[in-house]
Amino acid sequence: MIITYHGVDFFKVSFGDTVLAVNPISKDSKIKAVRFGSDITLISLNSPEHNGADVTSRGEKESFLISGPGEYEVSGVFIKGFLSKSNYGGSEHVNTIYTVSLEGITLCFLGALSDIALSAEVKEAIEEVDILFVPIGGTGVLDATTAHKLSVQFEPKLIIPSHFGDTLDPNALKKFLKEAGEESTKPVDKLTIKKKDLEGKEGDVIVLEAI
């Protein structure tokens, strides 16, 4: 499995011949959108920074779009969506948290989550997660301190922050790494991971550089 980050909350997950796009940035956003074809597209929030299904279809092949709570199975990938809240953009919106199970690894994308009052169903689902993707930038999503406290509560093997950078809170990453006691962590351009690589990991922070 190869994971890359493309800004805000946009991740690309490649495994075998299958590509998963999570919260792609739309062409309607002021932030530059990256275009690539995906087999499955997950959208947590209906905003231009998260709903770019327009950038993930290729030729005549449209990406299988999932944009809300429910249980899905697509090409052997098991996906669950859970209802939550976001204040991204200054007003309250529905945000979908996704868990994705593939290659023996469970990923969880919190999307643009701002409210840590999660349902019992969501908490139970996240407790089984190997890699947690968490927003840290504040201003409508979790801030760095709250994001770290929530992340370690679920004891994932790896934590990958999102919603940070020049267009958001440029200091959010520094704050988050300080909370985690991992100030020396350097960004990498991609994460290549297999199930066996997760052995012995306990809340390690991986920072992916936006590409």
N, C-alpha and C. Protein backbone atom coordinates (compact mmCIF):
# COMPACT_ATOMS: atom_id res chain seq x y z
N MET A 1 0.84 -1.18 0.00
CA MET A 1 0.00 0.00 0.00
C MET A 1 0.88 1.25 0.00
N ILE A 2 0.54 2.21 -0.86
CA ILE A 2 1.28 3.47 -0.93
C ILE A 2 0.30 4.61 -0.67
N ILE A 3 0.66 5.50 0.27
CA ILE A 3 -0.20 6.62 0.64
C ILE A 3 0.53 7.92 0.34
N THR A 4 -0.14 8.84 -0.37
CA THR A 4 0.41 10.17 -0.62
C THR A 4 -0.62 11.22 -0.20
N TYR A 5 -0.11 12.43 0.05
CA TYR A 5 -0.95 13.54 0.54
C TYR A 5 -0.91 14.67 -0.48
N HIS A 6 -2.09 15.26 -0.73
CA HIS A 6 -2.18 16.29 -1.77
C HIS A 6 -2.82 17.58 -1.26
N GLY A 7 -2.69 17.85 0.04
CA GLY A 7 -3.16 19.10 0.60
C GLY A 7 -4.53 18.99 1.25
N VAL A 8 -4.79 19.89 2.20
CA VAL A 8 -6.01 19.94 3.01
C VAL A 8 -6.28 18.56 3.62
N ASP A 9 -7.21 17.79 3.03
CA ASP A 9 -7.53 16.47 3.57
C ASP A 9 -7.53 15.42 2.45
N PHE A 10 -6.77 15.70 1.41
CA PHE A 10 -6.78 14.90 0.17
C PHE A 10 -5.66 13.87 0.21
N PHE A 11 -6.05 12.60 0.28
CA PHE A 11 -5.09 11.50 0.29
C PHE A 11 -5.36 10.54 -0.87
N LYS A 12 -4.28 9.97 -1.36
CA LYS A 12 -4.36 8.93 -2.39
C LYS A 12 -3.78 7.64 -1.79
N VAL A 13 -4.56 6.57 -1.88
CA VAL A 13 -4.11 5.27 -1.38
C VAL A 13 -4.10 4.30 -2.56
N SER A 14 -2.93 3.76 -2.87
CA SER A 14 -2.79 2.82 -3.98
C SER A 14 -2.43 1.45 -3.43
N PHE A 15 -3.12 0.43 -3.92
CA PHE A 15 -2.83 -0.94 -3.50
C PHE A 15 -3.15 -1.86 -4.67
N GLY A 16 -2.12 -2.57 -5.16
CA GLY A 16 -2.30 -3.36 -6.37
C GLY A 16 -2.67 -2.45 -7.52
N ASP A 17 -3.72 -2.82 -8.24
CA ASP A 17 -4.18 -2.02 -9.38
C ASP A 17 -5.30 -1.06 -8.99
N THR A 18 -5.60 -0.96 -7.71
CA THR A 18 -6.72 -0.15 -7.25
C THR A 18 -6.24 1.15 -6.61
N VAL A 19 -6.94 2.23 -6.91
CA VAL A 19 -6.60 3.55 -6.36
C VAL A 19 -7.81 4.12 -5.64
N LEU A 20 -7.57 4.58 -4.41
CA LEU A 20 -8.61 5.20 -3.59
C LEU A 20 -8.25 6.67 -3.40
N ALA A 21 -9.21 7.57 -3.67
CA ALA A 21 -9.03 9.00 -3.43
C ALA A 21 -9.92 9.42 -2.28
N VAL A 22 -9.35 10.12 -1.31
CA VAL A 22 -10.12 10.55 -0.14
C VAL A 22 -10.12 12.06 -0.06
N ASN A 23 -11.32 12.64 -0.07
CA ASN A 23 -11.52 14.09 0.03
C ASN A 23 -10.69 14.89 -0.99
N PRO A 24 -10.86 14.56 -2.27
CA PRO A 24 -10.13 15.31 -3.30
C PRO A 24 -10.56 16.77 -3.36
N ILE A 25 -9.60 17.63 -3.66
CA ILE A 25 -9.87 19.07 -3.78
C ILE A 25 -10.49 19.34 -5.15
N SER A 26 -11.62 20.01 -5.15
CA SER A 26 -12.35 20.30 -6.38
C SER A 26 -11.67 21.41 -7.19
N LYS A 27 -11.96 21.43 -8.46
CA LYS A 27 -11.48 22.51 -9.33
C LYS A 27 -12.10 23.85 -8.92
N ASP A 28 -13.20 23.81 -8.16
CA ASP A 28 -13.86 25.04 -7.71
C ASP A 28 -13.17 25.67 -6.51
N SER A 29 -12.23 24.96 -5.91
CA SER A 29 -11.52 25.49 -4.75
C SER A 29 -10.44 26.48 -5.18
N LYS A 30 -10.12 27.42 -4.28
CA LYS A 30 -9.02 28.34 -4.53
C LYS A 30 -7.67 27.64 -4.39
N ILE A 31 -7.68 26.48 -3.73
CA ILE A 31 -6.47 25.68 -3.57
C ILE A 31 -6.33 24.80 -4.80
N LYS A 32 -5.13 24.71 -5.32
CA LYS A 32 -4.90 23.97 -6.55
C LYS A 32 -5.27 22.51 -6.41
N ALA A 33 -6.05 22.00 -7.34
CA ALA A 33 -6.47 20.61 -7.33
C ALA A 33 -5.48 19.73 -8.09
N VAL A 34 -5.25 18.54 -7.56
CA VAL A 34 -4.42 17.55 -8.23
C VAL A 34 -5.35 16.54 -8.90
N ARG A 35 -5.13 16.26 -10.17
CA ARG A 35 -6.01 15.33 -10.89
C ARG A 35 -5.33 13.98 -11.04
N PHE A 36 -6.05 12.92 -10.69
CA PHE A 36 -5.61 11.56 -11.01
C PHE A 36 -6.83 10.64 -10.99
N GLY A 37 -6.77 9.58 -11.74
CA GLY A 37 -7.88 8.64 -11.80
C GLY A 37 -7.91 7.75 -10.57
N SER A 38 -9.10 7.54 -10.02
CA SER A 38 -9.24 6.62 -8.89
C SER A 38 -10.39 5.66 -9.16
N ASP A 39 -10.32 4.50 -8.53
CA ASP A 39 -11.40 3.53 -8.65
C ASP A 39 -12.52 3.84 -7.66
N ILE A 40 -12.14 4.38 -6.50
CA ILE A 40 -13.09 4.72 -5.44
C ILE A 40 -12.77 6.12 -4.93
N THR A 41 -13.80 6.94 -4.74
CA THR A 41 -13.63 8.27 -4.19
C THR A 41 -14.50 8.43 -2.94
N LEU A 42 -13.88 8.83 -1.83
CA LEU A 42 -14.60 9.08 -0.58
C LEU A 42 -14.66 10.58 -0.33
N ILE A 43 -15.85 11.08 -0.01
CA ILE A 43 -16.03 12.49 0.29
C ILE A 43 -16.65 12.63 1.67
N SER A 44 -15.94 13.32 2.58
CA SER A 44 -16.42 13.51 3.95
C SER A 44 -17.34 14.71 4.10
N LEU A 45 -17.10 15.73 3.29
CA LEU A 45 -17.75 17.02 3.50
C LEU A 45 -18.07 17.66 2.16
N ASN A 46 -19.22 18.31 2.09
CA ASN A 46 -19.61 18.98 0.85
C ASN A 46 -19.04 20.40 0.83
N SER A 47 -17.73 20.47 0.55
CA SER A 47 -17.06 21.77 0.38
C SER A 47 -16.08 21.63 -0.78
N PRO A 48 -15.70 22.72 -1.43
CA PRO A 48 -14.78 22.63 -2.58
C PRO A 48 -13.43 22.01 -2.22
N GLU A 49 -13.06 22.05 -0.94
CA GLU A 49 -11.77 21.46 -0.53
C GLU A 49 -11.88 19.97 -0.24
N HIS A 50 -13.09 19.42 -0.36
CA HIS A 50 -13.28 18.00 -0.03
C HIS A 50 -14.12 17.23 -1.05
N ASN A 51 -14.84 17.90 -1.93
CA ASN A 51 -15.82 17.19 -2.77
C ASN A 51 -15.43 17.12 -4.25
N GLY A 52 -14.13 17.02 -4.52
CA GLY A 52 -13.66 17.07 -5.90
C GLY A 52 -13.77 15.78 -6.69
N ALA A 53 -14.96 15.22 -6.73
CA ALA A 53 -15.14 14.02 -7.56
C ALA A 53 -14.83 14.33 -9.02
N ASP A 54 -14.86 15.62 -9.36
CA ASP A 54 -14.58 16.04 -10.74
C ASP A 54 -13.12 15.82 -11.14
N VAL A 55 -12.23 15.56 -10.18
CA VAL A 55 -10.81 15.40 -10.53
C VAL A 55 -10.34 13.94 -10.43
N THR A 56 -11.27 13.00 -10.14
CA THR A 56 -10.83 11.63 -9.91
C THR A 56 -11.36 10.61 -10.92
N SER A 57 -12.09 11.06 -11.92
CA SER A 57 -12.52 10.14 -12.97
C SER A 57 -11.55 10.22 -14.13
N ARG A 58 -11.41 9.12 -14.87
CA ARG A 58 -10.45 9.10 -15.98
C ARG A 58 -11.14 8.56 -17.24
N GLY A 59 -11.09 9.35 -18.27
CA GLY A 59 -11.71 8.94 -19.53
C GLY A 59 -13.19 8.64 -19.34
N GLU A 60 -13.61 7.49 -19.84
CA GLU A 60 -15.00 7.08 -19.71
C GLU A 60 -15.26 6.37 -18.38
N LYS A 61 -14.20 6.07 -17.65
CA LYS A 61 -14.36 5.34 -16.39
C LYS A 61 -14.57 6.30 -15.24
N GLU A 62 -15.75 6.26 -14.65
CA GLU A 62 -16.03 7.11 -13.51
C GLU A 62 -15.66 6.40 -12.22
N SER A 63 -15.15 7.16 -11.27
CA SER A 63 -14.80 6.63 -9.97
C SER A 63 -16.07 6.29 -9.19
N PHE A 64 -16.06 5.19 -8.42
CA PHE A 64 -17.19 4.84 -7.57
C PHE A 64 -17.23 5.82 -6.41
N LEU A 65 -18.28 6.61 -6.32
CA LEU A 65 -18.35 7.71 -5.37
C LEU A 65 -19.12 7.33 -4.11
N ILE A 66 -18.50 7.59 -2.96
CA ILE A 66 -19.16 7.39 -1.66
C ILE A 66 -19.10 8.72 -0.93
N SER A 67 -20.26 9.24 -0.52
CA SER A 67 -20.29 10.58 0.07
C SER A 67 -21.19 10.67 1.29
N GLY A 68 -21.24 9.60 2.09
CA GLY A 68 -22.06 9.67 3.28
C GLY A 68 -22.01 8.39 4.08
N PRO A 69 -22.67 8.37 5.24
CA PRO A 69 -22.65 7.20 6.11
C PRO A 69 -23.25 5.96 5.44
N GLY A 70 -22.80 4.79 5.90
CA GLY A 70 -23.29 3.52 5.37
C GLY A 70 -22.18 2.50 5.31
N GLU A 71 -22.52 1.30 4.85
CA GLU A 71 -21.53 0.24 4.68
C GLU A 71 -21.43 -0.11 3.20
N TYR A 72 -20.20 -0.24 2.72
CA TYR A 72 -19.97 -0.44 1.29
C TYR A 72 -18.89 -1.50 1.09
N GLU A 73 -19.01 -2.24 0.00
CA GLU A 73 -17.93 -3.12 -0.43
C GLU A 73 -17.72 -2.88 -1.92
N VAL A 74 -16.52 -2.44 -2.26
CA VAL A 74 -16.19 -2.13 -3.65
C VAL A 74 -14.85 -2.77 -3.99
N SER A 75 -14.84 -3.64 -4.97
CA SER A 75 -13.59 -4.28 -5.43
C SER A 75 -12.80 -4.91 -4.28
N GLY A 76 -13.52 -5.54 -3.35
CA GLY A 76 -12.86 -6.21 -2.24
C GLY A 76 -12.42 -5.28 -1.12
N VAL A 77 -12.79 -4.00 -1.23
CA VAL A 77 -12.47 -3.02 -0.18
C VAL A 77 -13.73 -2.79 0.66
N PHE A 78 -13.58 -2.92 1.98
CA PHE A 78 -14.71 -2.74 2.88
C PHE A 78 -14.64 -1.35 3.51
N ILE A 79 -15.71 -0.59 3.33
CA ILE A 79 -15.75 0.81 3.76
C ILE A 79 -16.98 1.04 4.62
N LYS A 80 -16.79 1.74 5.73
CA LYS A 80 -17.90 2.15 6.58
C LYS A 80 -17.84 3.66 6.78
N GLY A 81 -18.99 4.31 6.66
CA GLY A 81 -19.07 5.75 6.89
C GLY A 81 -19.92 6.05 8.10
N PHE A 82 -19.44 6.98 8.94
CA PHE A 82 -20.13 7.31 10.18
C PHE A 82 -20.39 8.81 10.26
N LEU A 83 -21.56 9.16 10.77
CA LEU A 83 -21.98 10.55 10.87
C LEU A 83 -21.23 11.28 11.97
N SER A 84 -20.77 12.51 11.67
CA SER A 84 -20.14 13.37 12.66
C SER A 84 -20.38 14.82 12.24
N LYS A 85 -19.71 15.77 12.94
CA LYS A 85 -19.94 17.19 12.66
C LYS A 85 -18.66 17.92 12.32
N SER A 86 -18.80 18.94 11.49
CA SER A 86 -17.68 19.81 11.14
C SER A 86 -18.16 21.25 11.12
N ASN A 87 -17.27 22.15 11.54
CA ASN A 87 -17.54 23.59 11.41
C ASN A 87 -16.65 24.23 10.36
N TYR A 88 -16.14 23.40 9.45
CA TYR A 88 -15.27 23.91 8.39
C TYR A 88 -16.02 24.94 7.56
N GLY A 89 -15.39 26.08 7.32
CA GLY A 89 -16.03 27.13 6.54
C GLY A 89 -16.86 28.08 7.38
N GLY A 90 -16.92 27.82 8.71
CA GLY A 90 -17.60 28.77 9.59
C GLY A 90 -19.01 28.43 10.00
N SER A 91 -19.58 27.35 9.46
CA SER A 91 -20.91 26.93 9.87
C SER A 91 -20.94 25.41 10.01
N GLU A 92 -21.94 24.91 10.72
CA GLU A 92 -21.98 23.47 10.99
C GLU A 92 -22.41 22.67 9.77
N HIS A 93 -21.65 21.61 9.50
CA HIS A 93 -21.95 20.72 8.37
C HIS A 93 -21.92 19.27 8.83
N VAL A 94 -22.53 18.43 8.03
CA VAL A 94 -22.39 16.99 8.24
C VAL A 94 -21.02 16.56 7.74
N ASN A 95 -20.30 15.82 8.55
CA ASN A 95 -18.99 15.27 8.17
C ASN A 95 -19.06 13.76 8.30
N THR A 96 -18.51 13.05 7.33
CA THR A 96 -18.50 11.59 7.39
C THR A 96 -17.10 11.09 7.71
N ILE A 97 -17.01 10.30 8.78
CA ILE A 97 -15.77 9.59 9.13
C ILE A 97 -15.80 8.25 8.42
N TYR A 98 -14.70 7.89 7.77
CA TYR A 98 -14.64 6.61 7.05
C TYR A 98 -13.60 5.68 7.65
N THR A 99 -13.97 4.40 7.76
CA THR A 99 -12.97 3.36 8.00
C THR A 99 -12.89 2.53 6.73
N VAL A 100 -11.66 2.16 6.37
CA VAL A 100 -11.42 1.42 5.13
C VAL A 100 -10.53 0.23 5.47
N SER A 101 -10.99 -0.96 5.15
CA SER A 101 -10.22 -2.18 5.44
C SER A 101 -9.74 -2.81 4.14
N LEU A 102 -8.41 -2.96 4.02
CA LEU A 102 -7.82 -3.57 2.83
C LEU A 102 -6.43 -4.08 3.17
N GLU A 103 -6.04 -5.15 2.53
CA GLU A 103 -4.72 -5.76 2.72
C GLU A 103 -4.40 -6.01 4.20
N GLY A 104 -5.45 -6.33 4.98
CA GLY A 104 -5.24 -6.62 6.39
C GLY A 104 -4.99 -5.40 7.25
N ILE A 105 -5.14 -4.21 6.68
CA ILE A 105 -4.91 -2.95 7.40
C ILE A 105 -6.21 -2.15 7.42
N THR A 106 -6.52 -1.55 8.57
CA THR A 106 -7.70 -0.69 8.67
C THR A 106 -7.27 0.77 8.80
N LEU A 107 -7.75 1.59 7.87
CA LEU A 107 -7.49 3.02 7.87
C LEU A 107 -8.72 3.75 8.38
N CYS A 108 -8.52 4.90 9.03
CA CYS A 108 -9.65 5.73 9.42
C CYS A 108 -9.36 7.17 9.05
N PHE A 109 -10.27 7.76 8.28
CA PHE A 109 -10.16 9.15 7.85
C PHE A 109 -11.22 9.96 8.61
N LEU A 110 -10.77 10.87 9.48
CA LEU A 110 -11.71 11.67 10.27
C LEU A 110 -12.30 12.83 9.47
N GLY A 111 -11.76 13.09 8.27
CA GLY A 111 -12.29 14.17 7.44
C GLY A 111 -12.07 15.53 8.08
N ALA A 112 -13.09 16.39 8.03
CA ALA A 112 -12.97 17.74 8.58
C ALA A 112 -13.61 17.81 9.96
N LEU A 113 -13.42 16.79 10.75
CA LEU A 113 -14.05 16.67 12.06
C LEU A 113 -13.72 17.87 12.96
N SER A 114 -14.75 18.39 13.64
CA SER A 114 -14.54 19.46 14.62
C SER A 114 -15.09 19.10 15.99
N ASP A 115 -16.00 18.15 16.04
CA ASP A 115 -16.69 17.81 17.29
C ASP A 115 -16.18 16.47 17.81
N ILE A 116 -15.58 16.47 19.00
CA ILE A 116 -15.02 15.22 19.54
C ILE A 116 -16.07 14.38 20.28
N ALA A 117 -17.30 14.88 20.34
CA ALA A 117 -18.37 14.11 20.98
C ALA A 117 -18.87 13.06 20.00
N LEU A 118 -18.08 11.99 19.86
CA LEU A 118 -18.38 10.95 18.89
C LEU A 118 -19.37 9.93 19.45
N SER A 119 -20.15 9.34 18.58
CA SER A 119 -21.10 8.32 19.02
C SER A 119 -20.37 7.06 19.46
N ALA A 120 -21.06 6.23 20.24
CA ALA A 120 -20.47 4.97 20.69
C ALA A 120 -20.09 4.09 19.51
N GLU A 121 -20.89 4.15 18.44
CA GLU A 121 -20.63 3.36 17.24
C GLU A 121 -19.31 3.77 16.58
N VAL A 122 -19.09 5.09 16.51
CA VAL A 122 -17.85 5.60 15.91
C VAL A 122 -16.65 5.22 16.77
N LYS A 123 -16.77 5.41 18.07
CA LYS A 123 -15.66 5.08 18.98
C LYS A 123 -15.27 3.61 18.85
N GLU A 124 -16.26 2.75 18.78
CA GLU A 124 -15.99 1.32 18.66
C GLU A 124 -15.27 1.01 17.35
N ALA A 125 -15.67 1.67 16.29
CA ALA A 125 -15.05 1.44 14.98
C ALA A 125 -13.60 1.91 14.96
N ILE A 126 -13.34 3.06 15.56
CA ILE A 126 -12.00 3.64 15.52
C ILE A 126 -11.03 2.85 16.40
N GLU A 127 -11.55 2.16 17.42
CA GLU A 127 -10.68 1.39 18.31
C GLU A 127 -9.94 0.27 17.58
N GLU A 128 -10.43 -0.11 16.41
CA GLU A 128 -9.83 -1.20 15.64
C GLU A 128 -8.91 -0.69 14.54
N VAL A 129 -8.58 0.60 14.57
CA VAL A 129 -7.88 1.23 13.45
C VAL A 129 -6.36 1.08 13.56
N ASP A 130 -5.71 0.83 12.42
CA ASP A 130 -4.24 0.78 12.37
C ASP A 130 -3.63 2.14 12.06
N ILE A 131 -4.20 2.84 11.07
CA ILE A 131 -3.67 4.14 10.65
C ILE A 131 -4.80 5.17 10.72
N LEU A 132 -4.57 6.22 11.53
CA LEU A 132 -5.58 7.25 11.73
C LEU A 132 -5.16 8.54 11.07
N PHE A 133 -6.04 9.08 10.22
CA PHE A 133 -5.80 10.35 9.53
C PHE A 133 -6.62 11.43 10.25
N VAL A 134 -5.95 12.42 10.83
CA VAL A 134 -6.63 13.36 11.72
C VAL A 134 -6.35 14.81 11.32
N PRO A 135 -7.40 15.66 11.26
CA PRO A 135 -7.19 17.09 10.96
C PRO A 135 -6.65 17.80 12.18
N ILE A 136 -5.72 18.74 12.00
CA ILE A 136 -5.05 19.37 13.13
C ILE A 136 -5.05 20.89 13.07
N GLY A 137 -5.64 21.49 12.05
CA GLY A 137 -5.42 22.91 11.78
C GLY A 137 -6.28 23.90 12.51
N GLY A 138 -7.29 23.43 13.29
CA GLY A 138 -8.20 24.38 13.92
C GLY A 138 -9.03 25.11 12.87
N THR A 139 -9.69 26.20 13.24
CA THR A 139 -10.52 26.99 12.31
C THR A 139 -11.53 26.10 11.58
N GLY A 140 -12.42 25.51 12.35
CA GLY A 140 -13.47 24.68 11.77
C GLY A 140 -13.22 23.19 11.84
N VAL A 141 -11.98 22.80 12.14
CA VAL A 141 -11.66 21.39 12.37
C VAL A 141 -10.90 21.30 13.71
N LEU A 142 -10.55 20.10 14.13
CA LEU A 142 -9.83 19.93 15.39
C LEU A 142 -8.54 20.74 15.40
N ASP A 143 -8.20 21.32 16.55
CA ASP A 143 -6.90 21.99 16.66
C ASP A 143 -5.84 20.96 17.05
N ALA A 144 -4.59 21.36 17.05
CA ALA A 144 -3.49 20.43 17.24
C ALA A 144 -3.57 19.69 18.57
N THR A 145 -3.86 20.41 19.64
CA THR A 145 -3.91 19.79 20.97
C THR A 145 -5.06 18.79 21.07
N THR A 146 -6.25 19.20 20.65
CA THR A 146 -7.42 18.33 20.71
C THR A 146 -7.24 17.12 19.79
N ALA A 147 -6.67 17.37 18.62
CA ALA A 147 -6.45 16.28 17.65
C ALA A 147 -5.53 15.21 18.23
N HIS A 148 -4.48 15.64 18.91
CA HIS A 148 -3.55 14.66 19.47
C HIS A 148 -4.21 13.86 20.59
N LYS A 149 -4.93 14.55 21.47
CA LYS A 149 -5.62 13.85 22.57
C LYS A 149 -6.61 12.83 22.05
N LEU A 150 -7.34 13.20 21.01
CA LEU A 150 -8.32 12.26 20.43
C LEU A 150 -7.61 11.08 19.76
N SER A 151 -6.52 11.37 19.07
CA SER A 151 -5.81 10.33 18.34
C SER A 151 -5.28 9.24 19.26
N VAL A 152 -4.58 9.64 20.32
CA VAL A 152 -3.96 8.64 21.21
C VAL A 152 -5.01 7.85 21.98
N GLN A 153 -6.18 8.43 22.14
CA GLN A 153 -7.27 7.75 22.84
C GLN A 153 -7.62 6.42 22.17
N PHE A 154 -7.46 6.37 20.85
CA PHE A 154 -7.86 5.17 20.10
C PHE A 154 -6.69 4.22 19.81
N GLU A 155 -5.50 4.59 20.24
CA GLU A 155 -4.32 3.73 20.15
C GLU A 155 -4.05 3.17 18.75
N PRO A 156 -4.07 4.02 17.73
CA PRO A 156 -3.70 3.53 16.39
C PRO A 156 -2.21 3.22 16.34
N LYS A 157 -1.82 2.43 15.35
CA LYS A 157 -0.39 2.15 15.17
C LYS A 157 0.32 3.39 14.62
N LEU A 158 -0.33 4.05 13.66
CA LEU A 158 0.24 5.25 13.04
C LEU A 158 -0.79 6.36 13.03
N ILE A 159 -0.31 7.61 13.17
CA ILE A 159 -1.17 8.79 13.08
C ILE A 159 -0.62 9.69 11.97
N ILE A 160 -1.49 10.06 11.04
CA ILE A 160 -1.09 10.93 9.93
C ILE A 160 -1.93 12.21 9.97
N PRO A 161 -1.31 13.38 10.23
CA PRO A 161 -2.08 14.62 10.31
C PRO A 161 -2.44 15.18 8.94
N SER A 162 -3.53 15.96 8.92
CA SER A 162 -3.96 16.66 7.71
C SER A 162 -4.47 18.05 8.10
N HIS A 163 -4.94 18.82 7.13
CA HIS A 163 -5.44 20.18 7.37
C HIS A 163 -4.37 21.07 8.00
N PHE A 164 -3.21 21.11 7.38
CA PHE A 164 -2.18 22.03 7.83
C PHE A 164 -1.43 22.52 6.60
N GLY A 165 -0.61 23.55 6.79
CA GLY A 165 0.18 24.06 5.66
C GLY A 165 -0.05 25.54 5.43
N ASP A 166 0.54 26.05 4.39
CA ASP A 166 0.55 27.49 4.12
C ASP A 166 -0.84 28.08 3.99
N THR A 167 -1.77 27.33 3.38
CA THR A 167 -3.10 27.88 3.14
C THR A 167 -4.00 27.73 4.35
N LEU A 168 -3.56 26.97 5.36
CA LEU A 168 -4.35 26.77 6.56
C LEU A 168 -3.57 27.36 7.74
N ASP A 169 -3.35 26.61 8.81
CA ASP A 169 -2.56 27.11 9.93
C ASP A 169 -1.13 26.64 9.76
N PRO A 170 -0.19 27.53 9.40
CA PRO A 170 1.18 27.11 9.15
C PRO A 170 1.90 26.59 10.40
N ASN A 171 1.35 26.91 11.58
CA ASN A 171 1.99 26.47 12.83
C ASN A 171 1.36 25.20 13.40
N ALA A 172 0.30 24.71 12.78
CA ALA A 172 -0.43 23.57 13.34
C ALA A 172 0.44 22.32 13.44
N LEU A 173 1.23 22.06 12.41
CA LEU A 173 2.05 20.86 12.42
C LEU A 173 3.07 20.90 13.55
N LYS A 174 3.72 22.05 13.71
CA LYS A 174 4.72 22.20 14.77
C LYS A 174 4.08 21.94 16.15
N LYS A 175 2.88 22.49 16.35
CA LYS A 175 2.16 22.31 17.61
C LYS A 175 1.82 20.83 17.81
N PHE A 176 1.34 20.19 16.77
CA PHE A 176 0.93 18.78 16.87
C PHE A 176 2.12 17.88 17.20
N LEU A 177 3.23 18.11 16.54
CA LEU A 177 4.43 17.29 16.78
C LEU A 177 4.95 17.51 18.20
N LYS A 178 4.81 18.73 18.71
CA LYS A 178 5.23 19.00 20.09
C LYS A 178 4.34 18.24 21.06
N GLU A 179 3.04 18.24 20.81
CA GLU A 179 2.11 17.49 21.65
C GLU A 179 2.46 16.00 21.67
N ALA A 180 2.90 15.51 20.51
CA ALA A 180 3.21 14.08 20.37
C ALA A 180 4.62 13.75 20.86
N GLY A 181 5.41 14.79 21.17
CA GLY A 181 6.80 14.56 21.57
C GLY A 181 7.65 14.07 20.42
N GLU A 182 7.28 14.49 19.20
CA GLU A 182 8.00 14.03 18.01
C GLU A 182 8.43 15.21 17.15
N GLU A 183 9.01 16.22 17.80
CA GLU A 183 9.41 17.43 17.07
C GLU A 183 10.43 17.16 15.97
N SER A 184 11.18 16.09 16.10
CA SER A 184 12.24 15.80 15.12
C SER A 184 11.72 15.07 13.88
N THR A 185 10.43 14.77 13.85
CA THR A 185 9.85 14.06 12.70
C THR A 185 9.96 14.90 11.43
N LYS A 186 10.49 14.30 10.37
CA LYS A 186 10.63 14.99 9.09
C LYS A 186 9.58 14.49 8.09
N PRO A 187 9.03 15.40 7.29
CA PRO A 187 8.05 14.99 6.30
C PRO A 187 8.64 14.05 5.25
N VAL A 188 7.82 13.12 4.76
CA VAL A 188 8.22 12.24 3.66
C VAL A 188 7.20 12.41 2.54
N ASP A 189 7.62 12.09 1.31
CA ASP A 189 6.72 12.34 0.18
C ASP A 189 5.70 11.23 -0.02
N LYS A 190 5.92 10.06 0.62
CA LYS A 190 4.93 8.98 0.53
C LYS A 190 5.20 7.97 1.64
N LEU A 191 4.16 7.21 1.96
CA LEU A 191 4.29 6.12 2.93
C LEU A 191 4.01 4.81 2.21
N THR A 192 5.00 3.93 2.20
CA THR A 192 4.80 2.58 1.65
C THR A 192 4.75 1.63 2.83
N ILE A 193 3.64 0.92 2.99
CA ILE A 193 3.42 0.16 4.22
C ILE A 193 2.75 -1.18 3.93
N LYS A 194 3.15 -2.19 4.69
CA LYS A 194 2.50 -3.50 4.69
C LYS A 194 2.09 -3.82 6.12
N LYS A 195 1.22 -4.81 6.28
CA LYS A 195 0.72 -5.18 7.60
C LYS A 195 1.85 -5.45 8.57
N LYS A 196 2.87 -6.17 8.12
CA LYS A 196 3.96 -6.55 9.03
C LYS A 196 4.76 -5.33 9.50
N ASP A 197 4.73 -4.24 8.72
CA ASP A 197 5.47 -3.04 9.09
C ASP A 197 4.86 -2.33 10.30
N LEU A 198 3.60 -2.67 10.63
CA LEU A 198 2.91 -2.02 11.73
C LEU A 198 3.23 -2.64 13.09
N GLU A 199 3.88 -3.78 13.08
CA GLU A 199 4.19 -4.47 14.33
C GLU A 199 5.10 -3.60 15.20
N GLY A 200 4.72 -3.44 16.46
CA GLY A 200 5.51 -2.65 17.39
C GLY A 200 5.25 -1.16 17.35
N LYS A 201 4.41 -0.71 16.42
CA LYS A 201 4.10 0.72 16.34
C LYS A 201 3.01 1.08 17.36
N GLU A 202 3.17 2.21 18.02
CA GLU A 202 2.19 2.66 19.01
C GLU A 202 2.00 4.17 18.90
N GLY A 203 1.10 4.59 18.04
CA GLY A 203 0.82 6.02 17.89
C GLY A 203 1.93 6.82 17.25
N ASP A 204 2.79 6.16 16.45
CA ASP A 204 3.86 6.88 15.76
C ASP A 204 3.28 7.87 14.76
N VAL A 205 3.84 9.07 14.69
CA VAL A 205 3.35 10.10 13.78
C VAL A 205 4.15 10.07 12.49
N ILE A 206 3.44 9.99 11.38
CA ILE A 206 4.05 10.09 10.05
C ILE A 206 3.53 11.37 9.39
N VAL A 207 4.43 12.23 8.98
CA VAL A 207 4.04 13.47 8.30
C VAL A 207 4.28 13.30 6.81
N LEU A 208 3.21 13.43 6.04
CA LEU A 208 3.33 13.35 4.59
C LEU A 208 3.34 14.76 4.01
N GLU A 209 4.34 15.04 3.20
CA GLU A 209 4.46 16.34 2.54
C GLU A 209 3.48 16.41 1.39
N ALA A 210 2.76 17.51 1.28
CA ALA A 210 1.81 17.66 0.19
C ALA A 210 2.54 17.72 -1.14
N ILE A 211 2.10 16.90 -2.09
CA ILE A 211 2.74 16.85 -3.40
C ILE A 211 1.71 17.11 -4.49
